[in-house]
Amino acid sequence: MANPKRKHSSTRGAKRRTHWKASVPSITDCPQCHEPKLPHRACSNCGYYDGRQVVKVAE
């Protein structure tokens, strides 16, 4: 196995990591109650997913 002859500087490591950015989650509106929710998840406000109620929500 080849090993590095010299230590890589912290700047060189930082240059490699320039694209490690956190992405903002996309938020959609619930078609039932029009509250913001994450896609592909049941709505925390009304409990609906894909047009049917999947979670009982205490009101």
C-alpha atoms as a PDB file:
ATOM      1  CA  MET A   1       0.000   0.000   0.000  1.00  0.00           C
ATOM      2  CA  ALA A   2       1.263   3.438  -0.872  1.00  0.00           C
ATOM      3  CA  ASN A   3       1.486   5.923   1.969  1.00  0.00           C
ATOM      4  CA  PRO A   4       1.707   9.712   1.718  1.00  0.00           C
ATOM      5  CA  LYS A   5       5.238  11.026   2.019  1.00  0.00           C
ATOM      6  CA  ARG A   6       4.133  14.330   3.586  1.00  0.00           C
ATOM      7  CA  LYS A   7       1.168  15.426   5.701  1.00  0.00           C
ATOM      8  CA  HIS A   8      -1.655  17.089   3.782  1.00  0.00           C
ATOM      9  CA  SER A   9      -2.301  20.613   4.981  1.00  0.00           C
ATOM     10  CA  SER A  10      -5.619  21.554   6.568  1.00  0.00           C
ATOM     11  CA  THR A  11      -6.256  23.886   3.621  1.00  0.00           C
ATOM     12  CA  ARG A  12      -5.998  20.983   1.212  1.00  0.00           C
ATOM     13  CA  GLY A  13      -8.521  18.989   3.250  1.00  0.00           C
ATOM     14  CA  ALA A  14     -10.830  22.006   3.405  1.00  0.00           C
ATOM     15  CA  LYS A  15     -10.647  22.365  -0.386  1.00  0.00           C
ATOM     16  CA  ARG A  16     -11.786  18.772  -0.727  1.00  0.00           C
ATOM     17  CA  ARG A  17     -14.747  19.406   1.573  1.00  0.00           C
ATOM     18  CA  THR A  18     -16.024  22.608  -0.082  1.00  0.00           C
ATOM     19  CA  HIS A  19     -19.115  20.833  -1.467  1.00  0.00           C
ATOM     20  CA  TRP A  20     -20.173  19.163   1.824  1.00  0.00           C
ATOM     21  CA  LYS A  21     -23.150  21.435   2.292  1.00  0.00           C
ATOM     22  CA  ALA A  22     -26.391  20.629   4.063  1.00  0.00           C
ATOM     23  CA  SER A  23     -29.407  20.960   1.802  1.00  0.00           C
ATOM     24  CA  VAL A  24     -32.598  22.681   2.875  1.00  0.00           C
ATOM     25  CA  PRO A  25     -35.477  20.173   3.127  1.00  0.00           C
ATOM     26  CA  SER A  26     -38.257  20.732   0.619  1.00  0.00           C
ATOM     27  CA  ILE A  27     -41.574  21.562   2.243  1.00  0.00           C
ATOM     28  CA  THR A  28     -44.934  20.998   0.566  1.00  0.00           C
ATOM     29  CA  ASP A  29     -48.473  21.881   1.563  1.00  0.00           C
ATOM     30  CA  CYS A  30     -50.825  19.187   2.832  1.00  0.00           C
ATOM     31  CA  PRO A  31     -53.693  18.791   0.335  1.00  0.00           C
ATOM     32  CA  GLN A  32     -56.193  18.255   3.181  1.00  0.00           C
ATOM     33  CA  CYS A  33     -55.426  20.996   5.718  1.00  0.00           C
ATOM     34  CA  HIS A  34     -52.909  23.099   3.720  1.00  0.00           C
ATOM     35  CA  GLU A  35     -50.327  23.051   6.522  1.00  0.00           C
ATOM     36  CA  PRO A  36     -46.614  22.734   5.595  1.00  0.00           C
ATOM     37  CA  LYS A  37     -45.240  19.177   5.781  1.00  0.00           C
ATOM     38  CA  LEU A  38     -42.315  17.122   4.554  1.00  0.00           C
ATOM     39  CA  PRO A  39     -42.928  15.169   1.338  1.00  0.00           C
ATOM     40  CA  HIS A  40     -43.683  11.427   1.526  1.00  0.00           C
ATOM     41  CA  ARG A  41     -44.706  11.673   5.189  1.00  0.00           C
ATOM     42  CA  ALA A  42     -48.052  11.772   6.936  1.00  0.00           C
ATOM     43  CA  CYS A  43     -49.216  15.240   7.926  1.00  0.00           C
ATOM     44  CA  SER A  44     -48.624  15.914  11.607  1.00  0.00           C
ATOM     45  CA  ASN A  45     -51.579  18.294  11.754  1.00  0.00           C
ATOM     46  CA  CYS A  46     -54.397  16.183  10.244  1.00  0.00           C
ATOM     47  CA  GLY A  47     -52.834  12.696   9.949  1.00  0.00           C
ATOM     48  CA  TYR A  48     -53.600  12.250   6.244  1.00  0.00           C
ATOM     49  CA  TYR A  49     -51.294  10.654   3.676  1.00  0.00           C
ATOM     50  CA  ASP A  50     -52.153   9.953   0.032  1.00  0.00           C
ATOM     51  CA  GLY A  51     -55.759  11.033   0.487  1.00  0.00           C
ATOM     52  CA  ARG A  52     -56.584   8.812   3.473  1.00  0.00           C
ATOM     53  CA  GLN A  53     -56.160   9.125   7.215  1.00  0.00           C
ATOM     54  CA  VAL A  54     -53.306   6.962   8.478  1.00  0.00           C
ATOM     55  CA  VAL A  55     -52.637   8.539  11.890  1.00  0.00           C
ATOM     56  CA  LYS A  56     -55.213   9.382  14.545  1.00  0.00           C
ATOM     57  CA  VAL A  57     -54.683  12.956  15.694  1.00  0.00           C
ATOM     58  CA  ALA A  58     -56.119  14.158  18.998  1.00  0.00           C
ATOM     59  CA  GLU A  59     -57.990  17.419  18.539  1.00  0.00           C
END
